[in-house]
C-alpha cells in the first residue's frame, strides 16, 4: 500500500468543503485531478472513503475513522517541521499565542515587550479568542500557548495557574451611580443599574451572569460589546457601569470602582497548552517570561497546583 501525503490532504479538503468543486478551487487544482487522486487513495487503502451519492459529498464510516487519524498525523508532521526549524539559541523562532480578551487589556503588551527586548528574533502571532475557541485551537495545534482561565478545561489541555484576578463594578468618574449610595452596594442595589458588558460568548460574562443569577438580580444590560477597550470608552462617555478586572480598572485613572457586598467573583488566570504537544524554544521562553512577570507584579497568587486534563481518546 502506497499512500501519498498529497492524497490525504486532498481527501481532507473534499470533506472540509463537502464537495469536489469547492475543494478543487481551494487547492487550486482541476476537479478531475482531485477526483482521480482521491480515488487512487481509496484504491490504495482498499476502502471507500467518500459517499458521493447525495447532493453533498460526505465521508463514509470508514472515511470518518480515517479522517481522525489523518488529522492527527498531519498535525504531528507539522509539529515535526517546526521542531526541525526551531533554533534553541532563540536567535529566531515563532510563537502562536491565544489570549482571552481580559488579558489584551493589561497583560499581553508588557509580555510581548519583554519578549522583544530579550529575544528580538522571535516573531509572534497574537489572536484574541473566546476561551472555548482558544482551547480548541490549542488541541488542533493552531496555537502554541494560551492565556485564559482555569476551570472546565477540555481533555488534553495542560493548565498552569498564574494568579487570581478579581472583578469589580466600575463607572466613569462623576457618574450618578458612583454617588448613589454611601456604603458598599448590596447585590439587590444592582437592579437599578444600567450596564455595558462583554457579550455572552465570553468567559467573563458567564461569571457575571452566574453572580446575578445566584443573587437574583436583573440589572438592565444596555450595551454588549466584544472588547474591553470598547466597554471602557463607553463607560467613560456615559452614565453606564460595567464589570472589569481590577488590573484594568487600576490602569485607567478616570474609572471609579464601586464596592459590592458580596463581592463579584474572582477567577484564576492560567497558562494553557496542549498536554502532549511539542513545546518550541520560543514557547518555553515566553512561558518563562510570563512566570517572571507574574512574580514581579502584585497579582494575587493562585492555589499552588498545576494539573493536566488527560485526553481519554
C-alpha atoms as a PDB file:
ATOM      1  CA  UNK A   1       0.000   0.000   0.000  1.00  0.00           C
ATOM      2  CA  UNK A   2       1.440   3.383  -1.029  1.00  0.00           C
ATOM      3  CA  UNK A   3      -0.337   6.450   0.368  1.00  0.00           C
ATOM      4  CA  UNK A   4       0.874   9.939  -0.534  1.00  0.00           C
ATOM      5  CA  UNK A   5       0.523  12.894   1.806  1.00  0.00           C
ATOM      6  CA  UNK A   6      -0.852  14.911  -1.075  1.00  0.00           C
ATOM      7  CA  UNK A   7      -3.715  12.449  -1.492  1.00  0.00           C
ATOM      8  CA  UNK A   8      -4.505  12.577   2.229  1.00  0.00           C
ATOM      9  CA  UNK A   9      -4.641  16.374   2.127  1.00  0.00           C
ATOM     10  CA  UNK A  10      -6.878  16.226  -0.929  1.00  0.00           C
ATOM     11  CA  UNK A  11      -9.271  13.843   0.826  1.00  0.00           C
ATOM     12  CA  UNK A  12      -9.405  16.129   3.880  1.00  0.00           C
ATOM     13  CA  UNK A  13     -10.132  19.141   1.658  1.00  0.00           C
ATOM     14  CA  UNK A  14     -13.074  17.367  -0.001  1.00  0.00           C
ATOM     15  CA  UNK A  15     -14.530  16.572   3.433  1.00  0.00           C
ATOM     16  CA  UNK A  16     -13.944  20.117   4.662  1.00  0.00           C
ATOM     17  CA  UNK A  17     -15.647  21.691   1.633  1.00  0.00           C
ATOM     18  CA  UNK A  18     -18.337  18.973   1.323  1.00  0.00           C
ATOM     19  CA  UNK A  19     -17.620  18.527  -2.364  1.00  0.00           C
ATOM     20  CA  UNK A  20     -15.018  18.319  -5.092  1.00  0.00           C
ATOM     21  CA  UNK A  21     -15.717  21.620  -6.850  1.00  0.00           C
ATOM     22  CA  UNK A  22     -15.059  23.925  -3.907  1.00  0.00           C
ATOM     23  CA  UNK A  23     -12.199  21.742  -2.682  1.00  0.00           C
ATOM     24  CA  UNK A  24     -10.526  21.927  -6.093  1.00  0.00           C
ATOM     25  CA  UNK A  25     -10.902  25.708  -6.098  1.00  0.00           C
ATOM     26  CA  UNK A  26      -9.370  25.962  -2.612  1.00  0.00           C
ATOM     27  CA  UNK A  27      -6.494  23.672  -3.601  1.00  0.00           C
ATOM     28  CA  UNK A  28      -6.073  25.426  -6.968  1.00  0.00           C
ATOM     29  CA  UNK A  29      -6.099  22.213  -8.948  1.00  0.00           C
ATOM     30  CA  UNK A  30      -8.534  20.868 -11.507  1.00  0.00           C
ATOM     31  CA  UNK A  31     -11.553  18.898 -10.314  1.00  0.00           C
ATOM     32  CA  UNK A  32     -10.678  15.811 -12.447  1.00  0.00           C
ATOM     33  CA  UNK A  33      -7.186  15.746 -10.925  1.00  0.00           C
ATOM     34  CA  UNK A  34      -8.618  15.979  -7.430  1.00  0.00           C
ATOM     35  CA  UNK A  35     -11.174  13.243  -8.078  1.00  0.00           C
ATOM     36  CA  UNK A  36      -8.535  10.964  -9.614  1.00  0.00           C
ATOM     37  CA  UNK A  37      -6.156  11.399  -6.672  1.00  0.00           C
ATOM     38  CA  UNK A  38      -8.848  10.706  -4.065  1.00  0.00           C
ATOM     39  CA  UNK A  39      -9.960   7.577  -5.915  1.00  0.00           C
ATOM     40  CA  UNK A  40      -6.334   6.445  -6.015  1.00  0.00           C
ATOM     41  CA  UNK A  41      -6.173   6.893  -2.239  1.00  0.00           C
ATOM     42  CA  UNK A  42      -9.311   4.767  -1.857  1.00  0.00           C
ATOM     43  CA  UNK A  43      -7.813   2.061  -4.090  1.00  0.00           C
ATOM     44  CA  UNK A  44      -4.583   2.086  -2.091  1.00  0.00           C
ATOM     45  CA  UNK A  45      -6.493   1.728   1.174  1.00  0.00           C
ATOM     46  CA  UNK A  46      -8.952  -0.799  -0.259  1.00  0.00           C
ATOM     47  CA  UNK A  47     -11.995   1.041   1.101  1.00  0.00           C
ATOM     48  CA  UNK A  48     -14.492   3.721   0.042  1.00  0.00           C
ATOM     49  CA  UNK A  49     -13.805   6.910   1.997  1.00  0.00           C
ATOM     50  CA  UNK A  50     -16.448   9.201   0.485  1.00  0.00           C
ATOM     51  CA  UNK A  51     -20.177   8.870  -0.150  1.00  0.00           C
ATOM     52  CA  UNK A  52     -20.736  10.619  -3.489  1.00  0.00           C
ATOM     53  CA  UNK A  53     -24.407   9.649  -3.888  1.00  0.00           C
ATOM     54  CA  UNK A  54     -26.025  12.738  -2.375  1.00  0.00           C
ATOM     55  CA  UNK A  55     -26.037  16.434  -3.240  1.00  0.00           C
ATOM     56  CA  UNK A  56     -23.064  16.916  -0.947  1.00  0.00           C
ATOM     57  CA  UNK A  57     -20.076  14.625  -0.575  1.00  0.00           C
ATOM     58  CA  UNK A  58     -19.758  13.108   2.890  1.00  0.00           C
ATOM     59  CA  UNK A  59     -17.275  10.711   4.486  1.00  0.00           C
ATOM     60  CA  UNK A  60     -18.363   7.102   4.912  1.00  0.00           C
ATOM     61  CA  UNK A  61     -17.955   5.411   8.295  1.00  0.00           C
ATOM     62  CA  UNK A  62     -14.510   4.283   7.168  1.00  0.00           C
ATOM     63  CA  UNK A  63     -13.810   7.798   5.915  1.00  0.00           C
ATOM     64  CA  UNK A  64     -14.659   9.344   9.261  1.00  0.00           C
ATOM     65  CA  UNK A  65     -12.397   6.888  11.074  1.00  0.00           C
ATOM     66  CA  UNK A  66      -9.550   7.570   8.651  1.00  0.00           C
ATOM     67  CA  UNK A  67     -10.102  11.333   8.854  1.00  0.00           C
ATOM     68  CA  UNK A  68      -9.459  11.435  12.610  1.00  0.00           C
ATOM     69  CA  UNK A  69      -6.128   9.640  12.230  1.00  0.00           C
ATOM     70  CA  UNK A  70      -5.172  11.707   9.180  1.00  0.00           C
ATOM     71  CA  UNK A  71      -5.726  14.952  11.059  1.00  0.00           C
ATOM     72  CA  UNK A  72      -3.575  13.799  13.956  1.00  0.00           C
ATOM     73  CA  UNK A  73      -0.850  12.592  11.605  1.00  0.00           C
ATOM     74  CA  UNK A  74      -0.687  15.868   9.675  1.00  0.00           C
ATOM     75  CA  UNK A  75      -0.725  17.843  12.913  1.00  0.00           C
ATOM     76  CA  UNK A  76       2.201  15.819  14.229  1.00  0.00           C
ATOM     77  CA  UNK A  77       4.097  16.222  10.959  1.00  0.00           C
ATOM     78  CA  UNK A  78       3.631  19.987  11.147  1.00  0.00           C
ATOM     79  CA  UNK A  79       4.959  19.951  14.706  1.00  0.00           C
ATOM     80  CA  UNK A  80       7.925  17.923  13.488  1.00  0.00           C
ATOM     81  CA  UNK A  81       8.675  20.525  10.824  1.00  0.00           C
ATOM     82  CA  UNK A  82       8.615  23.263  13.458  1.00  0.00           C
ATOM     83  CA  UNK A  83      10.918  21.195  15.653  1.00  0.00           C
ATOM     84  CA  UNK A  84      13.441  20.877  12.822  1.00  0.00           C
ATOM     85  CA  UNK A  85      13.443  24.606  12.207  1.00  0.00           C
ATOM     86  CA  UNK A  86      13.325  25.573  15.866  1.00  0.00           C
ATOM     87  CA  UNK A  87      16.559  27.286  16.911  1.00  0.00           C
ATOM     88  CA  UNK A  88      17.404  26.514  20.508  1.00  0.00           C
ATOM     89  CA  UNK A  89      19.516  29.643  20.987  1.00  0.00           C
ATOM     90  CA  UNK A  90      16.374  31.739  20.272  1.00  0.00           C
ATOM     91  CA  UNK A  91      18.086  33.777  17.555  1.00  0.00           C
ATOM     92  CA  UNK A  92      14.908  33.087  15.609  1.00  0.00           C
ATOM     93  CA  UNK A  93      11.622  31.295  16.113  1.00  0.00           C
ATOM     94  CA  UNK A  94       7.881  31.839  16.034  1.00  0.00           C
ATOM     95  CA  UNK A  95       5.237  31.899  18.756  1.00  0.00           C
ATOM     96  CA  UNK A  96       1.487  31.481  18.214  1.00  0.00           C
ATOM     97  CA  UNK A  97      -0.283  32.929  21.243  1.00  0.00           C
ATOM     98  CA  UNK A  98      -4.009  32.861  22.015  1.00  0.00           C
ATOM     99  CA  UNK A  99      -5.468  35.112  24.722  1.00  0.00           C
ATOM    100  CA  UNK A 100      -8.918  35.791  26.111  1.00  0.00           C
ATOM    101  CA  UNK A 101      -9.987  39.465  25.902  1.00  0.00           C
ATOM    102  CA  UNK A 102      -9.247  40.316  29.545  1.00  0.00           C
ATOM    103  CA  UNK A 103      -5.530  39.887  29.087  1.00  0.00           C
ATOM    104  CA  UNK A 104      -5.155  42.009  25.960  1.00  0.00           C
ATOM    105  CA  UNK A 105      -6.088  44.982  28.156  1.00  0.00           C
ATOM    106  CA  UNK A 106      -3.227  44.757  30.664  1.00  0.00           C
ATOM    107  CA  UNK A 107      -1.004  41.681  30.305  1.00  0.00           C
ATOM    108  CA  UNK A 108      -0.180  40.936  26.677  1.00  0.00           C
ATOM    109  CA  UNK A 109       1.520  44.259  25.909  1.00  0.00           C
ATOM    110  CA  UNK A 110       4.116  44.031  28.693  1.00  0.00           C
ATOM    111  CA  UNK A 111       4.797  40.365  27.930  1.00  0.00           C
ATOM    112  CA  UNK A 112       5.362  40.981  24.218  1.00  0.00           C
ATOM    113  CA  UNK A 113       7.608  43.953  25.039  1.00  0.00           C
ATOM    114  CA  UNK A 114       9.707  41.748  27.347  1.00  0.00           C
ATOM    115  CA  UNK A 115       9.967  39.015  24.713  1.00  0.00           C
ATOM    116  CA  UNK A 116      11.004  41.511  22.045  1.00  0.00           C
ATOM    117  CA  UNK A 117      13.634  43.009  24.308  1.00  0.00           C
ATOM    118  CA  UNK A 118      15.149  39.667  25.265  1.00  0.00           C
ATOM    119  CA  UNK A 119      14.646  37.694  22.019  1.00  0.00           C
ATOM    120  CA  UNK A 120      14.109  40.128  19.104  1.00  0.00           C
ATOM    121  CA  UNK A 121      14.490  37.331  16.530  1.00  0.00           C
ATOM    122  CA  UNK A 122      11.269  35.631  17.632  1.00  0.00           C
ATOM    123  CA  UNK A 123       8.163  36.569  15.659  1.00  0.00           C
ATOM    124  CA  UNK A 124       4.779  36.463  17.359  1.00  0.00           C
ATOM    125  CA  UNK A 125       1.211  35.945  16.177  1.00  0.00           C
ATOM    126  CA  UNK A 126      -1.327  37.006  18.835  1.00  0.00           C
ATOM    127  CA  UNK A 127      -5.006  36.105  18.493  1.00  0.00           C
ATOM    128  CA  UNK A 128      -7.794  37.239  20.800  1.00  0.00           C
ATOM    129  CA  UNK A 129     -10.175  34.291  21.241  1.00  0.00           C
ATOM    130  CA  UNK A 130     -13.005  33.183  23.470  1.00  0.00           C
ATOM    131  CA  UNK A 131     -11.929  30.535  25.968  1.00  0.00           C
ATOM    132  CA  UNK A 132     -13.629  27.592  24.266  1.00  0.00           C
ATOM    133  CA  UNK A 133     -12.208  28.504  20.870  1.00  0.00           C
ATOM    134  CA  UNK A 134      -8.746  29.072  22.344  1.00  0.00           C
ATOM    135  CA  UNK A 135      -8.705  25.570  23.841  1.00  0.00           C
ATOM    136  CA  UNK A 136      -9.927  24.063  20.576  1.00  0.00           C
ATOM    137  CA  UNK A 137      -7.117  25.868  18.730  1.00  0.00           C
ATOM    138  CA  UNK A 138      -4.551  24.515  21.188  1.00  0.00           C
ATOM    139  CA  UNK A 139      -5.799  20.959  20.666  1.00  0.00           C
ATOM    140  CA  UNK A 140      -5.724  21.456  16.895  1.00  0.00           C
ATOM    141  CA  UNK A 141      -2.111  22.696  17.156  1.00  0.00           C
ATOM    142  CA  UNK A 142      -3.144  26.105  15.804  1.00  0.00           C
ATOM    143  CA  UNK A 143      -1.776  27.835  18.932  1.00  0.00           C
ATOM    144  CA  UNK A 144       1.349  27.110  20.979  1.00  0.00           C
ATOM    145  CA  UNK A 145       0.234  28.716  24.250  1.00  0.00           C
ATOM    146  CA  UNK A 146      -2.875  30.346  25.640  1.00  0.00           C
ATOM    147  CA  UNK A 147      -3.539  32.756  28.486  1.00  0.00           C
ATOM    148  CA  UNK A 148      -7.051  32.225  29.796  1.00  0.00           C
ATOM    149  CA  UNK A 149      -8.773  30.980  32.955  1.00  0.00           C
ATOM    150  CA  UNK A 150      -8.543  27.783  34.959  1.00  0.00           C
ATOM    151  CA  UNK A 151     -11.627  25.606  35.225  1.00  0.00           C
ATOM    152  CA  UNK A 152     -13.639  23.312  32.967  1.00  0.00           C
ATOM    153  CA  UNK A 153     -10.811  22.683  30.507  1.00  0.00           C
ATOM    154  CA  UNK A 154     -11.180  20.314  27.581  1.00  0.00           C
ATOM    155  CA  UNK A 155      -9.445  16.936  27.766  1.00  0.00           C
ATOM    156  CA  UNK A 156      -5.811  17.193  26.730  1.00  0.00           C
ATOM    157  CA  UNK A 157      -5.227  20.772  27.951  1.00  0.00           C
ATOM    158  CA  UNK A 158      -2.376  21.377  30.409  1.00  0.00           C
ATOM    159  CA  UNK A 159      -3.131  24.086  32.971  1.00  0.00           C
ATOM    160  CA  UNK A 160      -0.579  26.162  34.900  1.00  0.00           C
ATOM    161  CA  UNK A 161      -2.263  28.578  37.351  1.00  0.00           C
ATOM    162  CA  UNK A 162      -0.718  32.062  37.359  1.00  0.00           C
ATOM    163  CA  UNK A 163      -2.636  34.463  39.618  1.00  0.00           C
ATOM    164  CA  UNK A 164      -6.098  35.354  40.874  1.00  0.00           C
ATOM    165  CA  UNK A 165      -7.966  38.075  39.011  1.00  0.00           C
ATOM    166  CA  UNK A 166     -10.702  39.976  40.863  1.00  0.00           C
ATOM    167  CA  UNK A 167     -13.669  41.623  39.163  1.00  0.00           C
ATOM    168  CA  UNK A 168     -15.148  44.979  40.216  1.00  0.00           C
ATOM    169  CA  UNK A 169     -18.200  47.041  39.383  1.00  0.00           C
ATOM    170  CA  UNK A 170     -16.931  50.180  37.638  1.00  0.00           C
ATOM    171  CA  UNK A 171     -18.278  53.545  36.439  1.00  0.00           C
ATOM    172  CA  UNK A 172     -16.713  56.572  34.822  1.00  0.00           C
ATOM    173  CA  UNK A 173     -15.677  59.475  37.016  1.00  0.00           C
ATOM    174  CA  UNK A 174     -18.659  61.553  38.078  1.00  0.00           C
ATOM    175  CA  UNK A 175     -21.325  59.063  37.035  1.00  0.00           C
ATOM    176  CA  UNK A 176     -24.524  59.324  39.101  1.00  0.00           C
ATOM    177  CA  UNK A 177     -24.268  55.664  40.125  1.00  0.00           C
ATOM    178  CA  UNK A 178     -20.919  56.380  41.838  1.00  0.00           C
ATOM    179  CA  UNK A 179     -22.752  58.683  44.306  1.00  0.00           C
ATOM    180  CA  UNK A 180     -25.934  56.658  44.643  1.00  0.00           C
ATOM    181  CA  UNK A 181     -25.079  55.075  48.000  1.00  0.00           C
ATOM    182  CA  UNK A 182     -22.802  55.911  50.948  1.00  0.00           C
ATOM    183  CA  UNK A 183     -21.598  52.399  51.714  1.00  0.00           C
ATOM    184  CA  UNK A 184     -20.975  49.272  49.662  1.00  0.00           C
ATOM    185  CA  UNK A 185     -23.601  48.300  47.165  1.00  0.00           C
ATOM    186  CA  UNK A 186     -25.601  45.230  48.025  1.00  0.00           C
ATOM    187  CA  UNK A 187     -26.415  42.703  45.339  1.00  0.00           C
ATOM    188  CA  UNK A 188     -30.027  43.960  45.425  1.00  0.00           C
ATOM    189  CA  UNK A 189     -28.815  47.500  44.608  1.00  0.00           C
ATOM    190  CA  UNK A 190     -27.580  46.249  41.241  1.00  0.00           C
ATOM    191  CA  UNK A 191     -31.172  46.015  39.990  1.00  0.00           C
ATOM    192  CA  UNK A 192     -31.157  49.783  39.427  1.00  0.00           C
ATOM    193  CA  UNK A 193     -28.018  49.778  37.284  1.00  0.00           C
ATOM    194  CA  UNK A 194     -27.760  50.073  33.528  1.00  0.00           C
ATOM    195  CA  UNK A 195     -24.731  48.077  32.392  1.00  0.00           C
ATOM    196  CA  UNK A 196     -22.397  47.717  29.439  1.00  0.00           C
ATOM    197  CA  UNK A 197     -20.924  44.192  29.392  1.00  0.00           C
ATOM    198  CA  UNK A 198     -18.993  41.787  27.217  1.00  0.00           C
ATOM    199  CA  UNK A 199     -21.134  39.541  25.018  1.00  0.00           C
ATOM    200  CA  UNK A 200     -22.380  36.181  26.213  1.00  0.00           C
ATOM    201  CA  UNK A 201     -19.686  34.257  24.315  1.00  0.00           C
ATOM    202  CA  UNK A 202     -17.025  35.403  26.788  1.00  0.00           C
ATOM    203  CA  UNK A 203     -15.951  33.598  29.955  1.00  0.00           C
ATOM    204  CA  UNK A 204     -16.022  36.853  31.938  1.00  0.00           C
ATOM    205  CA  UNK A 205     -19.680  37.408  31.034  1.00  0.00           C
ATOM    206  CA  UNK A 206     -20.508  33.883  32.159  1.00  0.00           C
ATOM    207  CA  UNK A 207     -19.088  34.603  35.627  1.00  0.00           C
ATOM    208  CA  UNK A 208     -21.008  37.876  35.864  1.00  0.00           C
ATOM    209  CA  UNK A 209     -24.300  36.301  34.784  1.00  0.00           C
ATOM    210  CA  UNK A 210     -23.800  33.487  37.309  1.00  0.00           C
ATOM    211  CA  UNK A 211     -23.363  36.084  40.075  1.00  0.00           C
ATOM    212  CA  UNK A 212     -26.552  37.861  39.024  1.00  0.00           C
ATOM    213  CA  UNK A 213     -28.471  34.585  38.938  1.00  0.00           C
ATOM    214  CA  UNK A 214     -27.135  33.490  42.333  1.00  0.00           C
ATOM    215  CA  UNK A 215     -28.274  36.750  43.959  1.00  0.00           C
ATOM    216  CA  UNK A 216     -31.493  37.011  41.941  1.00  0.00           C
ATOM    217  CA  UNK A 217     -30.798  40.420  40.466  1.00  0.00           C
ATOM    218  CA  UNK A 218     -31.586  41.573  36.944  1.00  0.00           C
ATOM    219  CA  UNK A 219     -29.790  44.799  36.029  1.00  0.00           C
ATOM    220  CA  UNK A 220     -30.541  46.215  32.600  1.00  0.00           C
ATOM    221  CA  UNK A 221     -27.903  45.211  30.051  1.00  0.00           C
ATOM    222  CA  UNK A 222     -27.989  48.313  27.864  1.00  0.00           C
ATOM    223  CA  UNK A 223     -24.911  47.576  25.744  1.00  0.00           C
ATOM    224  CA  UNK A 224     -22.984  44.448  24.797  1.00  0.00           C
ATOM    225  CA  UNK A 225     -19.535  44.693  23.222  1.00  0.00           C
ATOM    226  CA  UNK A 226     -16.799  42.316  22.134  1.00  0.00           C
ATOM    227  CA  UNK A 227     -13.806  44.159  23.602  1.00  0.00           C
ATOM    228  CA  UNK A 228     -12.843  45.605  26.975  1.00  0.00           C
ATOM    229  CA  UNK A 229     -11.479  48.768  25.380  1.00  0.00           C
ATOM    230  CA  UNK A 230     -14.891  49.432  23.845  1.00  0.00           C
ATOM    231  CA  UNK A 231     -16.546  48.974  27.244  1.00  0.00           C
ATOM    232  CA  UNK A 232     -14.069  51.349  28.876  1.00  0.00           C
ATOM    233  CA  UNK A 233     -14.711  54.032  26.270  1.00  0.00           C
ATOM    234  CA  UNK A 234     -18.487  53.639  26.619  1.00  0.00           C
ATOM    235  CA  UNK A 235     -18.374  53.835  30.417  1.00  0.00           C
ATOM    236  CA  UNK A 236     -16.168  56.942  30.344  1.00  0.00           C
ATOM    237  CA  UNK A 237     -18.609  58.696  27.987  1.00  0.00           C
ATOM    238  CA  UNK A 238     -21.947  57.611  29.521  1.00  0.00           C
ATOM    239  CA  UNK A 239     -23.598  57.006  32.850  1.00  0.00           C
ATOM    240  CA  UNK A 240     -23.396  53.249  32.321  1.00  0.00           C
ATOM    241  CA  UNK A 241     -21.499  50.924  34.643  1.00  0.00           C
ATOM    242  CA  UNK A 242     -19.563  47.814  33.729  1.00  0.00           C
ATOM    243  CA  UNK A 243     -17.606  44.967  35.318  1.00  0.00           C
ATOM    244  CA  UNK A 244     -13.841  44.935  34.773  1.00  0.00           C
ATOM    245  CA  UNK A 245     -10.820  43.054  36.108  1.00  0.00           C
ATOM    246  CA  UNK A 246      -9.108  45.067  38.848  1.00  0.00           C
ATOM    247  CA  UNK A 247      -5.796  45.426  36.932  1.00  0.00           C
ATOM    248  CA  UNK A 248      -7.700  47.074  34.068  1.00  0.00           C
ATOM    249  CA  UNK A 249      -9.559  49.434  36.410  1.00  0.00           C
ATOM    250  CA  UNK A 250      -6.369  50.411  38.215  1.00  0.00           C
ATOM    251  CA  UNK A 251      -4.708  51.258  34.897  1.00  0.00           C
ATOM    252  CA  UNK A 252      -7.357  53.884  33.999  1.00  0.00           C
ATOM    253  CA  UNK A 253      -7.459  56.941  36.296  1.00  0.00           C
ATOM    254  CA  UNK A 254     -10.889  58.027  35.048  1.00  0.00           C
ATOM    255  CA  UNK A 255     -12.650  54.823  36.152  1.00  0.00           C
ATOM    256  CA  UNK A 256     -14.243  54.526  39.599  1.00  0.00           C
ATOM    257  CA  UNK A 257     -14.655  51.092  41.246  1.00  0.00           C
ATOM    258  CA  UNK A 258     -17.800  50.649  43.336  1.00  0.00           C
ATOM    259  CA  UNK A 259     -17.610  48.261  46.319  1.00  0.00           C
ATOM    260  CA  UNK A 260     -20.188  45.473  46.215  1.00  0.00           C
ATOM    261  CA  UNK A 261     -21.180  43.138  49.053  1.00  0.00           C
ATOM    262  CA  UNK A 262     -20.988  40.203  48.478  1.00  0.00           C
ATOM    263  CA  UNK A 263     -18.070  40.878  46.119  1.00  0.00           C
ATOM    264  CA  UNK A 264     -18.142  39.938  42.477  1.00  0.00           C
ATOM    265  CA  UNK A 265     -16.445  36.612  41.642  1.00  0.00           C
ATOM    266  CA  UNK A 266     -12.734  36.135  41.151  1.00  0.00           C
ATOM    267  CA  UNK A 267     -11.078  33.632  38.827  1.00  0.00           C
ATOM    268  CA  UNK A 268      -7.639  32.117  38.296  1.00  0.00           C
ATOM    269  CA  UNK A 269      -5.628  33.211  35.285  1.00  0.00           C
ATOM    270  CA  UNK A 270      -3.720  30.318  33.752  1.00  0.00           C
ATOM    271  CA  UNK A 271      -1.186  29.455  31.089  1.00  0.00           C
ATOM    272  CA  UNK A 272      -2.672  26.783  28.806  1.00  0.00           C
ATOM    273  CA  UNK A 273      -1.008  24.404  26.373  1.00  0.00           C
ATOM    274  CA  UNK A 274      -1.636  21.072  24.678  1.00  0.00           C
ATOM    275  CA  UNK A 275      -0.630  18.370  27.153  1.00  0.00           C
ATOM    276  CA  UNK A 276       1.046  16.079  24.625  1.00  0.00           C
ATOM    277  CA  UNK A 277       2.190  18.810  22.239  1.00  0.00           C
ATOM    278  CA  UNK A 278       5.689  19.770  21.169  1.00  0.00           C
ATOM    279  CA  UNK A 279       6.884  22.857  23.083  1.00  0.00           C
ATOM    280  CA  UNK A 280       9.141  25.042  20.954  1.00  0.00           C
ATOM    281  CA  UNK A 281      12.041  27.031  22.356  1.00  0.00           C
ATOM    282  CA  UNK A 282      10.062  30.218  21.660  1.00  0.00           C
ATOM    283  CA  UNK A 283       7.089  28.906  23.646  1.00  0.00           C
ATOM    284  CA  UNK A 284       9.352  27.849  26.529  1.00  0.00           C
ATOM    285  CA  UNK A 285      10.978  31.285  26.575  1.00  0.00           C
ATOM    286  CA  UNK A 286       7.619  33.046  26.604  1.00  0.00           C
ATOM    287  CA  UNK A 287       6.278  30.801  29.377  1.00  0.00           C
ATOM    288  CA  UNK A 288       9.319  31.727  31.456  1.00  0.00           C
ATOM    289  CA  UNK A 289       8.687  35.430  30.855  1.00  0.00           C
ATOM    290  CA  UNK A 290       5.059  35.007  31.931  1.00  0.00           C
ATOM    291  CA  UNK A 291       6.193  33.487  35.249  1.00  0.00           C
ATOM    292  CA  UNK A 292       8.762  36.252  35.788  1.00  0.00           C
ATOM    293  CA  UNK A 293       6.191  38.960  35.081  1.00  0.00           C
ATOM    294  CA  UNK A 294       3.632  37.456  37.451  1.00  0.00           C
ATOM    295  CA  UNK A 295       6.220  37.142  40.229  1.00  0.00           C
ATOM    296  CA  UNK A 296       7.343  40.766  39.755  1.00  0.00           C
ATOM    297  CA  UNK A 297       3.852  42.301  39.906  1.00  0.00           C
ATOM    298  CA  UNK A 298       1.302  42.444  42.729  1.00  0.00           C
ATOM    299  CA  UNK A 299      -1.093  39.856  41.351  1.00  0.00           C
ATOM    300  CA  UNK A 300      -2.903  37.748  43.901  1.00  0.00           C
ATOM    301  CA  UNK A 301      -1.328  34.235  43.972  1.00  0.00           C
ATOM    302  CA  UNK A 302      -3.490  31.278  42.871  1.00  0.00           C
ATOM    303  CA  UNK A 303      -3.893  27.930  44.529  1.00  0.00           C
ATOM    304  CA  UNK A 304      -0.452  26.268  44.048  1.00  0.00           C
ATOM    305  CA  UNK A 305      -1.450  23.429  41.781  1.00  0.00           C
ATOM    306  CA  UNK A 306      -0.502  22.603  38.187  1.00  0.00           C
ATOM    307  CA  UNK A 307      -2.674  19.960  36.607  1.00  0.00           C
ATOM    308  CA  UNK A 308      -3.357  18.281  33.283  1.00  0.00           C
ATOM    309  CA  UNK A 309      -6.743  17.220  31.975  1.00  0.00           C
ATOM    310  CA  UNK A 310      -5.842  13.887  30.397  1.00  0.00           C
ATOM    311  CA  UNK A 311      -7.096  13.059  26.931  1.00  0.00           C
ATOM    312  CA  UNK A 312      -9.248   9.948  27.155  1.00  0.00           C
ATOM    313  CA  UNK A 313      -9.432   9.414  23.400  1.00  0.00           C
END
